[in-house]
Amino acid sequence: MADDPQAALKQAAAERALAFLESGMVVGLGTGSTAIFATRRLGVLLREGKLRDIVGFATSKATAEAARAAGIPLLDEDCPRPIDVTIDGADEVDPQLDVIKGGGGALLREKIVEQQARRFIVIADGTKVVERLGAGALRPRSPWRSEIR
């Protein structure tokens, strides 16, 4: 991480969002390069016993794979329980803190999970800040390419 300052900023933003989690919660796990840091760190917190009885609901197949690899139990696909909090990244953020969210391939599922959440936390680092929404970081993406590396 020390070699990649942008990745360090994404990680810091993602980990800050985890401060809002409590044991026993159902957590929506977002998709993308920033949200994956939150998923991985949540797995560490569960293994260390700092959080307990957390169950996740992934917004994409890639996130589900990452959550399983991190040891996070996942809800079934039908999501029968309410989601306490969803954490996901933004594509762009303007000076008024308005955001563009969901420019990737998991757009529909992200929106469904966000709407089911009692609380939605958007995470972004400084590279996502733009003067005017639609003018910056958002780039056309192929729906066939995974955003998580």
Protein backbone atom coordinates (compact mmCIF):
# COMPACT_ATOMS: atom_id res chain seq x y z
CA MET A 1 0.00 0.00 0.00
CA ALA A 2 2.90 2.38 0.69
CA ASP A 3 3.75 2.34 -3.03
CA ASP A 4 0.27 3.50 -4.04
CA PRO A 5 -0.90 6.73 -2.37
CA GLN A 6 -4.32 6.56 -4.05
CA ALA A 7 -4.91 3.05 -2.70
CA ALA A 8 -3.90 4.24 0.77
CA LEU A 9 -6.50 7.04 0.58
CA LYS A 10 -9.19 4.60 -0.58
CA GLN A 11 -8.31 2.24 2.25
CA ALA A 12 -8.45 5.02 4.86
CA ALA A 13 -11.87 6.18 3.60
CA ALA A 14 -13.23 2.63 3.60
CA GLU A 15 -11.92 1.79 7.05
CA ARG A 16 -13.39 4.99 8.52
CA ALA A 17 -16.85 3.82 7.47
CA LEU A 18 -16.43 0.66 9.54
CA ALA A 19 -16.51 2.77 12.73
CA PHE A 20 -20.30 2.93 12.25
CA LEU A 21 -20.72 -0.84 12.48
CA GLU A 22 -21.79 -2.69 15.61
CA SER A 23 -21.88 -6.37 16.44
CA GLY A 24 -25.05 -8.12 15.31
CA MET A 25 -25.66 -5.94 12.24
CA VAL A 26 -26.63 -6.93 8.72
CA VAL A 27 -24.23 -5.05 6.44
CA GLY A 28 -24.61 -4.33 2.72
CA LEU A 29 -21.21 -4.77 1.11
CA GLY A 30 -20.59 -2.47 -1.85
CA THR A 31 -18.76 -3.11 -5.09
CA GLY A 32 -15.68 -1.39 -6.45
CA SER A 33 -12.11 -0.48 -5.68
CA THR A 34 -12.83 1.50 -2.50
CA ALA A 35 -15.59 -0.72 -1.09
CA ILE A 36 -13.37 -3.81 -1.33
CA PHE A 37 -11.10 -2.31 1.32
CA ALA A 38 -14.08 -2.11 3.70
CA THR A 39 -15.01 -5.73 2.99
CA ARG A 40 -11.47 -6.98 3.61
CA ARG A 41 -11.08 -4.97 6.82
CA LEU A 42 -14.46 -6.15 8.10
CA GLY A 43 -13.20 -9.71 7.72
CA VAL A 44 -10.16 -8.85 9.84
CA LEU A 45 -12.33 -7.24 12.55
CA LEU A 46 -14.51 -10.36 12.67
CA ARG A 47 -11.49 -12.69 12.92
CA GLU A 48 -10.00 -10.55 15.70
CA GLY A 49 -13.30 -10.59 17.60
CA LYS A 50 -13.65 -6.79 17.54
CA LEU A 51 -17.02 -7.30 15.81
CA ARG A 52 -19.26 -10.36 16.18
CA ASP A 53 -22.36 -11.80 14.60
CA ILE A 54 -22.13 -9.63 11.49
CA VAL A 55 -23.76 -10.99 8.36
CA GLY A 56 -23.21 -9.39 4.97
CA PHE A 57 -25.21 -8.97 1.81
CA ALA A 58 -23.04 -8.46 -1.27
CA THR A 59 -23.94 -6.10 -4.10
CA SER A 60 -22.09 -8.21 -6.70
CA LYS A 61 -20.67 -11.66 -7.31
CA ALA A 62 -17.15 -10.23 -7.02
CA THR A 63 -17.97 -8.74 -3.63
CA ALA A 64 -19.54 -12.02 -2.49
CA GLU A 65 -16.33 -13.85 -3.43
CA ALA A 66 -14.23 -11.29 -1.55
CA ALA A 67 -16.51 -11.51 1.51
CA ARG A 68 -16.29 -15.31 1.58
CA ALA A 69 -12.49 -15.11 1.24
CA ALA A 70 -12.46 -12.66 4.19
CA GLY A 71 -14.61 -15.00 6.29
CA ILE A 72 -17.75 -12.83 6.30
CA PRO A 73 -20.96 -14.89 6.47
CA LEU A 74 -23.46 -13.85 3.79
CA LEU A 75 -27.26 -13.76 3.70
CA ASP A 76 -29.07 -15.82 1.10
CA GLU A 77 -29.83 -14.14 -2.20
CA ASP A 78 -33.43 -13.34 -1.31
CA CYS A 79 -32.31 -10.99 1.51
CA PRO A 80 -35.13 -11.82 3.95
CA ARG A 81 -33.92 -9.43 6.68
CA PRO A 82 -33.59 -5.66 6.71
CA ILE A 83 -30.10 -4.28 6.15
CA ASP A 84 -28.79 -2.11 8.99
CA VAL A 85 -26.11 -0.28 7.01
CA THR A 86 -24.70 -0.42 3.50
CA ILE A 87 -21.20 0.83 2.70
CA ASP A 88 -20.34 1.61 -0.92
CA GLY A 89 -18.14 3.97 -2.90
CA ALA A 90 -18.98 7.03 -4.98
CA ASP A 91 -17.89 7.70 -8.54
CA GLU A 92 -17.90 11.49 -8.14
CA VAL A 93 -18.47 13.96 -5.29
CA ASP A 94 -19.00 17.69 -5.77
CA PRO A 95 -18.25 20.51 -3.27
CA GLN A 96 -21.87 20.36 -1.98
CA LEU A 97 -21.37 16.61 -1.25
CA ASP A 98 -23.78 15.57 -3.99
CA VAL A 99 -22.62 12.29 -5.52
CA ILE A 100 -22.79 10.17 -8.62
CA LYS A 101 -22.97 6.59 -7.50
CA GLY A 102 -23.12 3.34 -9.37
CA GLY A 103 -21.43 3.78 -12.72
CA GLY A 104 -20.23 0.18 -12.81
CA GLY A 105 -21.61 -3.19 -13.74
CA ALA A 106 -23.34 -3.84 -10.38
CA LEU A 107 -25.59 -0.78 -10.66
CA LEU A 108 -29.01 -2.41 -10.22
CA ARG A 109 -28.06 -4.63 -7.31
CA GLU A 110 -26.25 -1.76 -5.59
CA LYS A 111 -29.38 0.40 -5.83
CA ILE A 112 -31.62 -2.35 -4.44
CA VAL A 113 -29.32 -2.99 -1.47
CA GLU A 114 -28.94 0.73 -0.78
CA GLN A 115 -32.72 1.19 -0.74
CA GLN A 116 -33.12 -1.70 1.72
CA ALA A 117 -30.60 -0.23 4.16
CA ARG A 118 -31.62 1.78 7.21
CA ARG A 119 -28.37 3.74 6.78
CA PHE A 120 -26.24 4.23 3.67
CA ILE A 121 -22.62 5.29 3.99
CA VAL A 122 -20.93 6.57 0.82
CA ILE A 123 -17.15 6.37 0.90
CA ALA A 124 -14.82 8.37 -1.32
CA ASP A 125 -11.27 9.60 -1.32
CA GLY A 126 -10.05 12.94 -2.67
CA THR A 127 -9.63 11.58 -6.20
CA LYS A 128 -13.44 11.44 -6.53
CA VAL A 129 -13.94 15.17 -5.86
CA VAL A 130 -14.97 17.18 -8.92
CA GLU A 131 -16.05 20.79 -9.46
CA ARG A 132 -19.25 19.71 -11.22
CA LEU A 133 -20.89 16.29 -11.27
CA GLY A 134 -20.47 14.49 -14.56
CA ALA A 135 -17.25 16.34 -15.38
CA GLY A 136 -14.62 14.20 -13.73
CA ALA A 137 -13.81 10.70 -12.63
CA LEU A 138 -16.70 8.88 -14.27
CA ARG A 139 -15.52 6.99 -17.32
CA PRO A 140 -17.38 4.56 -19.55
CA ARG A 141 -16.87 1.03 -18.30
CA SER A 142 -17.52 -2.31 -19.84
CA PRO A 143 -20.23 -4.25 -17.96
CA TRP A 144 -18.16 -7.38 -18.61
CA ARG A 145 -15.12 -6.22 -16.64
CA SER A 146 -14.86 -6.69 -12.90
CA GLU A 147 -14.10 -3.50 -10.97
CA ILE A 148 -12.37 -5.39 -8.17
CA ARG A 149 -8.75 -6.32 -8.67
